[in-house]
C-alpha cells in the first residue's frame, strides 16, 4: 500500500497554515466604504478598517464630548483631524488595527 508523499496530511498542514495567513491579514486590514450617520446631518462615517460601519457608528453615537482637532472616543479610539477647519472636515480614529474615518460639519 503506497501513499503519494504530497497527499500526506502531516506534510500539508504547515503549508496550508502559511497559505491561510495572507487571507486572514487581508481581511483584517480591508477598508470598507461607509455612508452611515452617527448624528445626522453633522457626523457621517465614511470608511472603516477592521470593523463594520455600524460598529464605527456606534462608537461615535456614544461619544458625548466636543469634536476637537484631537480627542479620545469611546472604546479606546484616538481621533485626530486629517483635513478641514475647526467647523468641519475629516477625522480618523484608530485603535490598534481598527480604524474609521468620519466627516463632521458644525
PDB file of N, CA and C in Angstrom:
ATOM      1  N   UNK A   1       0.843  -1.163   0.000  1.00  0.00           N
ATOM      2  CA  UNK A   1       0.000   0.000   0.000  1.00  0.00           C
ATOM      3  C   UNK A   1       0.897   1.236   0.000  1.00  0.00           C
ATOM      4  N   UNK A   2       0.824   2.009  -1.075  1.00  0.00           N
ATOM      5  CA  UNK A   2       1.707   3.152  -1.228  1.00  0.00           C
ATOM      6  C   UNK A   2       0.897   4.436  -1.188  1.00  0.00           C
ATOM      7  N   UNK A   3       1.423   5.423  -0.507  1.00  0.00           N
ATOM      8  CA  UNK A   3       0.770   6.734  -0.413  1.00  0.00           C
ATOM      9  C   UNK A   3       1.626   7.756  -1.131  1.00  0.00           C
ATOM     10  N   UNK A   4       0.991   8.640  -1.838  1.00  0.00           N
ATOM     11  CA  UNK A   4       1.715   9.713  -2.515  1.00  0.00           C
ATOM     12  C   UNK A   4       2.202  10.694  -1.452  1.00  0.00           C
ATOM     13  N   UNK A   5       3.488  11.095  -1.461  1.00  0.00           N
ATOM     14  CA  UNK A   5       4.023  11.956  -0.395  1.00  0.00           C
ATOM     15  C   UNK A   5       3.340  13.322  -0.320  1.00  0.00           C
ATOM     16  N   UNK A   6       2.855  13.858  -1.420  1.00  0.00           N
ATOM     17  CA  UNK A   6       2.199  15.164  -1.375  1.00  0.00           C
ATOM     18  C   UNK A   6       0.825  15.108  -0.751  1.00  0.00           C
ATOM     19  N   UNK A   7       0.243  13.948  -0.656  1.00  0.00           N
ATOM     20  CA  UNK A   7      -1.090  13.809  -0.076  1.00  0.00           C
ATOM     21  C   UNK A   7      -1.046  13.509   1.413  1.00  0.00           C
ATOM     22  N   UNK A   8       0.122  13.435   1.982  1.00  0.00           N
ATOM     23  CA  UNK A   8       0.280  13.169   3.400  1.00  0.00           C
ATOM     24  C   UNK A   8      -0.179  14.407   4.190  1.00  0.00           C
ATOM     25  N   UNK A   9      -1.219  14.267   4.983  1.00  0.00           N
ATOM     26  CA  UNK A   9      -1.812  15.388   5.720  1.00  0.00           C
ATOM     27  C   UNK A   9      -0.807  16.051   6.659  1.00  0.00           C
ATOM     28  N   UNK A  10       0.066  15.271   7.256  1.00  0.00           N
ATOM     29  CA  UNK A  10       1.053  15.840   8.179  1.00  0.00           C
ATOM     30  C   UNK A  10       2.006  16.780   7.454  1.00  0.00           C
ATOM     31  N   UNK A  11       2.307  16.480   6.203  1.00  0.00           N
ATOM     32  CA  UNK A  11       3.198  17.340   5.438  1.00  0.00           C
ATOM     33  C   UNK A  11       2.459  18.555   4.893  1.00  0.00           C
ATOM     34  N   UNK A  12       1.181  18.421   4.630  1.00  0.00           N
ATOM     35  CA  UNK A  12       0.403  19.524   4.072  1.00  0.00           C
ATOM     36  C   UNK A  12       0.003  20.566   5.113  1.00  0.00           C
ATOM     37  N   UNK A  13      -0.141  20.176   6.356  1.00  0.00           N
ATOM     38  CA  UNK A  13      -0.641  21.082   7.395  1.00  0.00           C
ATOM     39  C   UNK A  13       0.172  22.372   7.504  1.00  0.00           C
ATOM     40  N   UNK A  14       1.513  22.315   7.594  1.00  0.00           N
ATOM     41  CA  UNK A  14       2.265  23.576   7.699  1.00  0.00           C
ATOM     42  C   UNK A  14       2.125  24.458   6.455  1.00  0.00           C
ATOM     43  N   UNK A  15       2.060  23.829   5.300  1.00  0.00           N
ATOM     44  CA  UNK A  15       1.918  24.596   4.057  1.00  0.00           C
ATOM     45  C   UNK A  15       0.559  25.286   4.026  1.00  0.00           C
ATOM     46  N   UNK A  16      -0.476  24.566   4.377  1.00  0.00           N
ATOM     47  CA  UNK A  16      -1.818  25.147   4.381  1.00  0.00           C
ATOM     48  C   UNK A  16      -1.931  26.271   5.403  1.00  0.00           C
ATOM     49  N   UNK A  17      -1.283  26.133   6.532  1.00  0.00           N
ATOM     50  CA  UNK A  17      -1.330  27.175   7.559  1.00  0.00           C
ATOM     51  C   UNK A  17      -0.676  28.457   7.047  1.00  0.00           C
ATOM     52  N   UNK A  18       0.449  28.329   6.362  1.00  0.00           N
ATOM     53  CA  UNK A  18       1.137  29.510   5.815  1.00  0.00           C
ATOM     54  C   UNK A  18       0.294  30.149   4.718  1.00  0.00           C
ATOM     55  N   UNK A  19      -0.312  29.343   3.877  1.00  0.00           N
ATOM     56  CA  UNK A  19      -1.139  29.882   2.797  1.00  0.00           C
ATOM     57  C   UNK A  19      -2.368  30.602   3.329  1.00  0.00           C
ATOM     58  N   UNK A  20      -2.859  30.236   4.476  1.00  0.00           N
ATOM     59  CA  UNK A  20      -4.051  30.862   5.048  1.00  0.00           C
ATOM     60  C   UNK A  20      -3.752  32.218   5.684  1.00  0.00           C
ATOM     61  N   UNK A  21      -2.514  32.484   6.064  1.00  0.00           N
ATOM     62  CA  UNK A  21      -2.176  33.729   6.751  1.00  0.00           C
ATOM     63  C   UNK A  21      -2.471  34.991   5.942  1.00  0.00           C
ATOM     64  N   UNK A  22      -2.070  35.092   4.699  1.00  0.00           N
ATOM     65  CA  UNK A  22      -2.349  36.335   3.982  1.00  0.00           C
ATOM     66  C   UNK A  22      -3.835  36.647   3.869  1.00  0.00           C
ATOM     67  N   UNK A  23      -4.667  35.657   3.686  1.00  0.00           N
ATOM     68  CA  UNK A  23      -6.109  35.900   3.581  1.00  0.00           C
ATOM     69  C   UNK A  23      -6.647  36.479   4.884  1.00  0.00           C
ATOM     70  N   UNK A  24      -6.187  35.973   6.012  1.00  0.00           N
ATOM     71  CA  UNK A  24      -6.631  36.482   7.305  1.00  0.00           C
ATOM     72  C   UNK A  24      -6.138  37.912   7.507  1.00  0.00           C
ATOM     73  N   UNK A  25      -4.889  38.174   7.185  1.00  0.00           N
ATOM     74  CA  UNK A  25      -4.335  39.519   7.347  1.00  0.00           C
ATOM     75  C   UNK A  25      -5.041  40.501   6.422  1.00  0.00           C
ATOM     76  N   UNK A  26      -5.324  40.097   5.191  1.00  0.00           N
ATOM     77  CA  UNK A  26      -6.016  40.976   4.246  1.00  0.00           C
ATOM     78  C   UNK A  26      -7.410  41.331   4.740  1.00  0.00           C
ATOM     79  N   UNK A  27      -8.123  40.360   5.287  1.00  0.00           N
ATOM     80  CA  UNK A  27      -9.486  40.619   5.766  1.00  0.00           C
ATOM     81  C   UNK A  27      -9.473  41.622   6.917  1.00  0.00           C
ATOM     82  N   UNK A  28      -8.495  41.520   7.804  1.00  0.00           N
ATOM     83  CA  UNK A  28      -8.432  42.420   8.953  1.00  0.00           C
ATOM     84  C   UNK A  28      -8.036  43.838   8.549  1.00  0.00           C
ATOM     85  N   UNK A  29      -7.277  43.974   7.464  1.00  0.00           N
ATOM     86  CA  UNK A  29      -6.821  45.294   7.069  1.00  0.00           C
ATOM     87  C   UNK A  29      -7.666  45.900   5.950  1.00  0.00           C
ATOM     88  N   UNK A  30      -8.703  45.209   5.525  1.00  0.00           N
ATOM     89  CA  UNK A  30      -9.532  45.681   4.423  1.00  0.00           C
ATOM     90  C   UNK A  30     -10.329  46.914   4.840  1.00  0.00           C
ATOM     91  N   UNK A  31     -10.340  47.901   3.971  1.00  0.00           N
ATOM     92  CA  UNK A  31     -11.103  49.123   4.207  1.00  0.00           C
ATOM     93  C   UNK A  31     -12.425  49.013   3.471  1.00  0.00           C
ATOM     94  N   UNK A  32     -13.505  49.335   4.169  1.00  0.00           N
ATOM     95  CA  UNK A  32     -14.821  49.334   3.542  1.00  0.00           C
ATOM     96  C   UNK A  32     -15.362  50.759   3.521  1.00  0.00           C
ATOM     97  N   UNK A  33     -16.037  51.101   2.438  1.00  0.00           N
ATOM     98  CA  UNK A  33     -16.683  52.411   2.340  1.00  0.00           C
ATOM     99  C   UNK A  33     -17.978  52.387   3.130  1.00  0.00           C
ATOM    100  N   UNK A  34     -18.260  53.472   3.804  1.00  0.00           N
ATOM    101  CA  UNK A  34     -19.476  53.578   4.614  1.00  0.00           C
ATOM    102  C   UNK A  34     -20.237  54.838   4.209  1.00  0.00           C
ATOM    103  N   UNK A  35     -21.481  54.845   4.524  1.00  0.00           N
ATOM    104  CA  UNK A  35     -22.309  56.050   4.397  1.00  0.00           C
ATOM    105  C   UNK A  35     -23.410  55.923   5.452  1.00  0.00           C
ATOM    106  N   UNK A  36     -22.989  56.054   6.707  1.00  0.00           N
ATOM    107  CA  UNK A  36     -23.926  55.905   7.816  1.00  0.00           C
ATOM    108  C   UNK A  36     -23.720  57.052   8.806  1.00  0.00           C
ATOM    109  N   UNK A  37     -24.797  57.639   9.232  1.00  0.00           N
ATOM    110  CA  UNK A  37     -24.727  58.793  10.134  1.00  0.00           C
ATOM    111  C   UNK A  37     -24.719  58.356  11.594  1.00  0.00           C
ATOM    112  N   UNK A  38     -23.804  58.933  12.362  1.00  0.00           N
ATOM    113  CA  UNK A  38     -23.831  58.795  13.816  1.00  0.00           C
ATOM    114  C   UNK A  38     -24.670  59.921  14.402  1.00  0.00           C
ATOM    115  N   UNK A  39     -24.719  61.054  13.692  1.00  0.00           N
ATOM    116  CA  UNK A  39     -25.530  62.199  14.103  1.00  0.00           C
ATOM    117  C   UNK A  39     -25.898  62.960  12.831  1.00  0.00           C
ATOM    118  N   UNK A  40     -27.066  62.667  12.297  1.00  0.00           N
ATOM    119  CA  UNK A  40     -27.470  63.277  11.024  1.00  0.00           C
ATOM    120  C   UNK A  40     -27.904  64.711  11.230  1.00  0.00           C
ATOM    121  N   UNK A  41     -27.493  65.656  10.457  1.00  0.00           N
ATOM    122  CA  UNK A  41     -26.635  65.577   9.266  1.00  0.00           C
ATOM    123  C   UNK A  41     -25.183  65.943   9.539  1.00  0.00           C
ATOM    124  N   UNK A  42     -24.766  65.954  10.811  1.00  0.00           N
ATOM    125  CA  UNK A  42     -23.453  66.508  11.162  1.00  0.00           C
ATOM    126  C   UNK A  42     -22.290  65.524  11.168  1.00  0.00           C
ATOM    127  N   UNK A  43     -22.517  64.251  11.418  1.00  0.00           N
ATOM    128  CA  UNK A  43     -21.411  63.319  11.588  1.00  0.00           C
ATOM    129  C   UNK A  43     -21.665  62.055  10.769  1.00  0.00           C
ATOM    130  N   UNK A  44     -20.910  61.909   9.685  1.00  0.00           N
ATOM    131  CA  UNK A  44     -21.073  60.804   8.743  1.00  0.00           C
ATOM    132  C   UNK A  44     -19.843  59.904   8.778  1.00  0.00           C
ATOM    133  N   UNK A  45     -20.039  58.621   9.061  1.00  0.00           N
ATOM    134  CA  UNK A  45     -18.946  57.647   8.996  1.00  0.00           C
ATOM    135  C   UNK A  45     -18.711  57.356   7.516  1.00  0.00           C
ATOM    136  N   UNK A  46     -17.472  57.583   7.034  1.00  0.00           N
ATOM    137  CA  UNK A  46     -17.192  57.428   5.605  1.00  0.00           C
ATOM    138  C   UNK A  46     -16.412  56.168   5.253  1.00  0.00           C
ATOM    139  N   UNK A  47     -15.665  55.581   6.202  1.00  0.00           N
ATOM    140  CA  UNK A  47     -14.957  54.329   5.936  1.00  0.00           C
ATOM    141  C   UNK A  47     -14.572  53.666   7.251  1.00  0.00           C
ATOM    142  N   UNK A  48     -14.285  52.371   7.161  1.00  0.00           N
ATOM    143  CA  UNK A  48     -13.872  51.613   8.342  1.00  0.00           C
ATOM    144  C   UNK A  48     -12.870  50.545   7.923  1.00  0.00           C
ATOM    145  N   UNK A  49     -11.919  50.255   8.806  1.00  0.00           N
ATOM    146  CA  UNK A  49     -10.934  49.204   8.570  1.00  0.00           C
ATOM    147  C   UNK A  49     -10.911  48.284   9.782  1.00  0.00           C
ATOM    148  N   UNK A  50     -11.057  46.990   9.539  1.00  0.00           N
ATOM    149  CA  UNK A  50     -11.011  46.021  10.626  1.00  0.00           C
ATOM    150  C   UNK A  50     -12.245  46.049  11.512  1.00  0.00           C
ATOM    151  N   UNK A  51     -13.300  46.705  11.055  1.00  0.00           N
ATOM    152  CA  UNK A  51     -14.544  46.785  11.811  1.00  0.00           C
ATOM    153  C   UNK A  51     -15.669  47.131  10.840  1.00  0.00           C
ATOM    154  N   UNK A  52     -16.880  46.957  11.275  1.00  0.00           N
ATOM    155  CA  UNK A  52     -18.017  47.271  10.412  1.00  0.00           C
ATOM    156  C   UNK A  52     -18.358  48.756  10.492  1.00  0.00           C
ATOM    157  N   UNK A  53     -19.079  49.213   9.510  1.00  0.00           N
ATOM    158  CA  UNK A  53     -19.545  50.597   9.502  1.00  0.00           C
ATOM    159  C   UNK A  53     -20.448  50.855  10.711  1.00  0.00           C
ATOM    160  N   UNK A  54     -21.299  49.898  11.041  1.00  0.00           N
ATOM    161  CA  UNK A  54     -22.205  50.085  12.174  1.00  0.00           C
ATOM    162  C   UNK A  54     -21.444  50.119  13.504  1.00  0.00           C
ATOM    163  N   UNK A  55     -20.341  49.373  13.620  1.00  0.00           N
ATOM    164  CA  UNK A  55     -19.527  49.429  14.848  1.00  0.00           C
ATOM    165  C   UNK A  55     -18.884  50.806  14.990  1.00  0.00           C
ATOM    166  N   UNK A  56     -18.402  51.365  13.879  1.00  0.00           N
ATOM    167  CA  UNK A  56     -17.829  52.715  13.913  1.00  0.00           C
ATOM    168  C   UNK A  56     -18.905  53.733  14.274  1.00  0.00           C
ATOM    169  N   UNK A  57     -20.077  53.593  13.689  1.00  0.00           N
ATOM    170  CA  UNK A  57     -21.195  54.494  14.002  1.00  0.00           C
ATOM    171  C   UNK A  57     -21.520  54.432  15.491  1.00  0.00           C
ATOM    172  N   UNK A  58     -21.546  53.229  16.045  1.00  0.00           N
ATOM    173  CA  UNK A  58     -21.882  53.070  17.467  1.00  0.00           C
ATOM    174  C   UNK A  58     -20.857  53.738  18.377  1.00  0.00           C
ATOM    175  N   UNK A  59     -19.565  53.689  17.999  1.00  0.00           N
ATOM    176  CA  UNK A  59     -18.535  54.373  18.788  1.00  0.00           C
ATOM    177  C   UNK A  59     -18.850  55.858  18.857  1.00  0.00           C
ATOM    178  N   UNK A  60     -19.146  56.449  17.718  1.00  0.00           N
ATOM    179  CA  UNK A  60     -19.390  57.896  17.692  1.00  0.00           C
ATOM    180  C   UNK A  60     -20.749  58.269  18.285  1.00  0.00           C
ATOM    181  N   UNK A  61     -21.731  57.387  18.236  1.00  0.00           N
ATOM    182  CA  UNK A  61     -23.020  57.667  18.886  1.00  0.00           C
ATOM    183  C   UNK A  61     -22.851  57.758  20.402  1.00  0.00           C
ATOM    184  N   UNK A  62     -21.886  56.989  20.950  1.00  0.00           N
ATOM    185  CA  UNK A  62     -21.651  57.010  22.404  1.00  0.00           C
ATOM    186  C   UNK A  62     -20.799  58.199  22.847  1.00  0.00           C
ATOM    187  N   UNK A  63     -20.124  58.859  21.911  1.00  0.00           N
ATOM    188  CA  UNK A  63     -19.243  59.978  22.259  1.00  0.00           C
ATOM    189  C   UNK A  63     -20.079  61.192  22.651  1.00  0.00           C
ATOM    190  N   UNK A  64     -19.756  61.819  23.780  1.00  0.00           N
ATOM    191  CA  UNK A  64     -20.526  62.957  24.287  1.00  0.00           C
ATOM    192  C   UNK A  64     -19.736  64.260  24.351  1.00  0.00           C
ATOM    193  N   UNK A  65     -18.493  64.247  23.908  1.00  0.00           N
ATOM    194  CA  UNK A  65     -17.660  65.446  24.018  1.00  0.00           C
ATOM    195  C   UNK A  65     -17.679  66.297  22.758  1.00  0.00           C
ATOM    196  N   UNK A  66     -16.827  67.307  22.764  1.00  0.00           N
ATOM    197  CA  UNK A  66     -16.657  68.174  21.603  1.00  0.00           C
ATOM    198  C   UNK A  66     -15.801  67.469  20.556  1.00  0.00           C
ATOM    199  N   UNK A  67     -16.049  67.804  19.296  1.00  0.00           N
ATOM    200  CA  UNK A  67     -15.216  67.308  18.206  1.00  0.00           C
ATOM    201  C   UNK A  67     -14.101  68.342  18.023  1.00  0.00           C
ATOM    202  N   UNK A  68     -12.967  68.090  18.686  1.00  0.00           N
ATOM    203  CA  UNK A  68     -11.823  68.998  18.577  1.00  0.00           C
ATOM    204  C   UNK A  68     -10.792  68.364  17.635  1.00  0.00           C
ATOM    205  N   UNK A  69      -9.676  69.053  17.436  1.00  0.00           N
ATOM    206  CA  UNK A  69      -8.670  68.530  16.486  1.00  0.00           C
ATOM    207  C   UNK A  69      -8.201  67.136  16.880  1.00  0.00           C
ATOM    208  N   UNK A  70      -8.063  66.869  18.170  1.00  0.00           N
ATOM    209  CA  UNK A  70      -7.754  65.531  18.675  1.00  0.00           C
ATOM    210  C   UNK A  70      -8.650  65.268  19.872  1.00  0.00           C
ATOM    211  N   UNK A  71      -9.087  64.030  20.022  1.00  0.00           N
ATOM    212  CA  UNK A  71      -9.900  63.659  21.183  1.00  0.00           C
ATOM    213  C   UNK A  71      -9.912  62.146  21.330  1.00  0.00           C
ATOM    214  N   UNK A  72     -10.319  61.692  22.500  1.00  0.00           N
ATOM    215  CA  UNK A  72     -10.456  60.264  22.783  1.00  0.00           C
ATOM    216  C   UNK A  72     -11.929  59.897  22.680  1.00  0.00           C
ATOM    217  N   UNK A  73     -12.228  58.923  21.837  1.00  0.00           N
ATOM    218  CA  UNK A  73     -13.596  58.444  21.666  1.00  0.00           C
ATOM    219  C   UNK A  73     -13.796  57.192  22.522  1.00  0.00           C
ATOM    220  N   UNK A  74     -15.035  56.754  22.711  1.00  0.00           N
ATOM    221  CA  UNK A  74     -15.295  55.534  23.479  1.00  0.00           C
ATOM    222  C   UNK A  74     -14.570  54.323  22.895  1.00  0.00           C
ATOM    223  N   UNK A  75     -14.414  53.309  23.702  1.00  0.00           N
ATOM    224  CA  UNK A  75     -13.764  52.043  23.332  1.00  0.00           C
ATOM    225  C   UNK A  75     -12.280  52.205  23.024  1.00  0.00           C
ATOM    226  N   UNK A  76     -11.671  53.288  23.492  1.00  0.00           N
ATOM    227  CA  UNK A  76     -10.231  53.463  23.352  1.00  0.00           C
ATOM    228  C   UNK A  76      -9.747  53.997  22.018  1.00  0.00           C
ATOM    229  N   UNK A  77     -10.619  54.559  21.207  1.00  0.00           N
ATOM    230  CA  UNK A  77     -10.211  55.118  19.919  1.00  0.00           C
ATOM    231  C   UNK A  77      -9.619  56.510  20.113  1.00  0.00           C
ATOM    232  N   UNK A  78      -8.480  56.751  19.470  1.00  0.00           N
ATOM    233  CA  UNK A  78      -7.845  58.069  19.450  1.00  0.00           C
ATOM    234  C   UNK A  78      -8.185  58.697  18.105  1.00  0.00           C
ATOM    235  N   UNK A  79      -8.753  59.894  18.139  1.00  0.00           N
ATOM    236  CA  UNK A  79      -9.206  60.555  16.914  1.00  0.00           C
ATOM    237  C   UNK A  79      -8.418  61.836  16.689  1.00  0.00           C
ATOM    238  N   UNK A  80      -8.123  62.107  15.413  1.00  0.00           N
ATOM    239  CA  UNK A  80      -7.443  63.352  15.054  1.00  0.00           C
ATOM    240  C   UNK A  80      -7.969  63.838  13.715  1.00  0.00           C
ATOM    241  N   UNK A  81      -8.005  65.124  13.570  1.00  0.00           N
ATOM    242  CA  UNK A  81      -8.465  65.730  12.327  1.00  0.00           C
ATOM    243  C   UNK A  81      -7.381  65.573  11.273  1.00  0.00           C
ATOM    244  N   UNK A  82      -7.775  65.134  10.067  1.00  0.00           N
ATOM    245  CA  UNK A  82      -6.807  64.939   8.990  1.00  0.00           C
ATOM    246  C   UNK A  82      -6.979  65.953   7.865  1.00  0.00           C
ATOM    247  N   UNK A  83      -8.129  66.647   7.819  1.00  0.00           N
ATOM    248  CA  UNK A  83      -8.325  67.707   6.832  1.00  0.00           C
ATOM    249  C   UNK A  83      -9.460  68.608   7.281  1.00  0.00           C
ATOM    250  N   UNK A  84      -9.517  69.793   6.707  1.00  0.00           N
ATOM    251  CA  UNK A  84     -10.595  70.712   7.014  1.00  0.00           C
ATOM    252  C   UNK A  84     -10.204  71.803   7.983  1.00  0.00           C
ATOM    253  N   UNK A  85     -11.223  72.416   8.578  1.00  0.00           N
ATOM    254  CA  UNK A  85     -11.067  73.517   9.527  1.00  0.00           C
ATOM    255  C   UNK A  85     -11.814  73.166  10.807  1.00  0.00           C
ATOM    256  N   UNK A  86     -11.801  74.068  11.776  1.00  0.00           N
ATOM    257  CA  UNK A  86     -12.443  73.789  13.064  1.00  0.00           C
ATOM    258  C   UNK A  86     -13.937  73.497  12.924  1.00  0.00           C
ATOM    259  N   UNK A  87     -14.587  74.123  11.949  1.00  0.00           N
ATOM    260  CA  UNK A  87     -16.035  73.959  11.794  1.00  0.00           C
ATOM    261  C   UNK A  87     -16.411  72.699  11.022  1.00  0.00           C
ATOM    262  N   UNK A  88     -15.427  72.026  10.431  1.00  0.00           N
ATOM    263  CA  UNK A  88     -15.744  70.810   9.690  1.00  0.00           C
ATOM    264  C   UNK A  88     -14.554  70.248   8.951  1.00  0.00           C
ATOM    265  N   UNK A  89     -14.666  69.007   8.584  1.00  0.00           N
ATOM    266  CA  UNK A  89     -13.594  68.336   7.865  1.00  0.00           C
ATOM    267  C   UNK A  89     -13.685  66.843   8.050  1.00  0.00           C
ATOM    268  N   UNK A  90     -12.516  66.186   7.976  1.00  0.00           N
ATOM    269  CA  UNK A  90     -12.458  64.730   8.129  1.00  0.00           C
ATOM    270  C   UNK A  90     -11.542  64.384   9.296  1.00  0.00           C
ATOM    271  N   UNK A  91     -11.970  63.388  10.081  1.00  0.00           N
ATOM    272  CA  UNK A  91     -11.211  62.878  11.213  1.00  0.00           C
ATOM    273  C   UNK A  91     -10.939  61.402  10.996  1.00  0.00           C
ATOM    274  N   UNK A  92      -9.836  60.922  11.589  1.00  0.00           N
ATOM    275  CA  UNK A  92      -9.513  59.497  11.566  1.00  0.00           C
ATOM    276  C   UNK A  92      -9.357  59.043  13.009  1.00  0.00           C
ATOM    277  N   UNK A  93     -10.036  57.947  13.335  1.00  0.00           N
ATOM    278  CA  UNK A  93      -9.978  57.380  14.684  1.00  0.00           C
ATOM    279  C   UNK A  93      -9.346  55.995  14.596  1.00  0.00           C
ATOM    280  N   UNK A  94      -8.396  55.708  15.475  1.00  0.00           N
ATOM    281  CA  UNK A  94      -7.694  54.428  15.443  1.00  0.00           C
ATOM    282  C   UNK A  94      -7.638  53.785  16.822  1.00  0.00           C
ATOM    283  N   UNK A  95      -7.589  52.471  16.799  1.00  0.00           N
ATOM    284  CA  UNK A  95      -7.340  51.666  17.995  1.00  0.00           C
ATOM    285  C   UNK A  95      -6.707  50.370  17.506  1.00  0.00           C
ATOM    286  N   UNK A  96      -5.401  50.279  17.607  1.00  0.00           N
ATOM    287  CA  UNK A  96      -4.689  49.110  17.070  1.00  0.00           C
ATOM    288  C   UNK A  96      -4.883  49.046  15.559  1.00  0.00           C
ATOM    289  N   UNK A  97      -5.295  47.883  15.074  1.00  0.00           N
ATOM    290  CA  UNK A  97      -5.511  47.691  13.633  1.00  0.00           C
ATOM    291  C   UNK A  97      -6.881  48.195  13.180  1.00  0.00           C
ATOM    292  N   UNK A  98      -7.735  48.551  14.119  1.00  0.00           N
ATOM    293  CA  UNK A  98      -9.076  49.035  13.772  1.00  0.00           C
ATOM    294  C   UNK A  98      -9.053  50.546  13.580  1.00  0.00           C
ATOM    295  N   UNK A  99      -9.789  51.016  12.587  1.00  0.00           N
ATOM    296  CA  UNK A  99      -9.823  52.455  12.319  1.00  0.00           C
ATOM    297  C   UNK A  99     -11.093  52.810  11.566  1.00  0.00           C
ATOM    298  N   UNK A 100     -11.471  54.068  11.674  1.00  0.00           N
ATOM    299  CA  UNK A 100     -12.567  54.571  10.856  1.00  0.00           C
ATOM    300  C   UNK A 100     -12.355  56.058  10.621  1.00  0.00           C
ATOM    301  N   UNK A 101     -12.992  56.551   9.575  1.00  0.00           N
ATOM    302  CA  UNK A 101     -12.973  57.981   9.250  1.00  0.00           C
ATOM    303  C   UNK A 101     -14.397  58.509   9.302  1.00  0.00           C
ATOM    304  N   UNK A 102     -14.483  59.785   9.699  1.00  0.00           N
ATOM    305  CA  UNK A 102     -15.797  60.411   9.661  1.00  0.00           C
ATOM    306  C   UNK A 102     -15.667  61.841   9.182  1.00  0.00           C
ATOM    307  N   UNK A 103     -16.745  62.318   8.590  1.00  0.00           N
ATOM    308  CA  UNK A 103     -16.860  63.695   8.139  1.00  0.00           C
ATOM    309  C   UNK A 103     -17.724  64.412   9.166  1.00  0.00           C
ATOM    310  N   UNK A 104     -17.296  65.614   9.542  1.00  0.00           N
ATOM    311  CA  UNK A 104     -18.046  66.380  10.536  1.00  0.00           C
ATOM    312  C   UNK A 104     -18.216  67.802  10.044  1.00  0.00           C
ATOM    313  N   UNK A 105     -19.406  68.355  10.248  1.00  0.00           N
ATOM    314  CA  UNK A 105     -19.643  69.786   9.982  1.00  0.00           C
ATOM    315  C   UNK A 105     -20.486  70.332  11.122  1.00  0.00           C
ATOM    316  N   UNK A 106     -20.130  71.511  11.577  1.00  0.00           N
ATOM    317  CA  UNK A 106     -20.826  72.122  12.709  1.00  0.00           C
ATOM    318  C   UNK A 106     -21.908  73.059  12.210  1.00  0.00           C
TER     319      UNK A 106
END
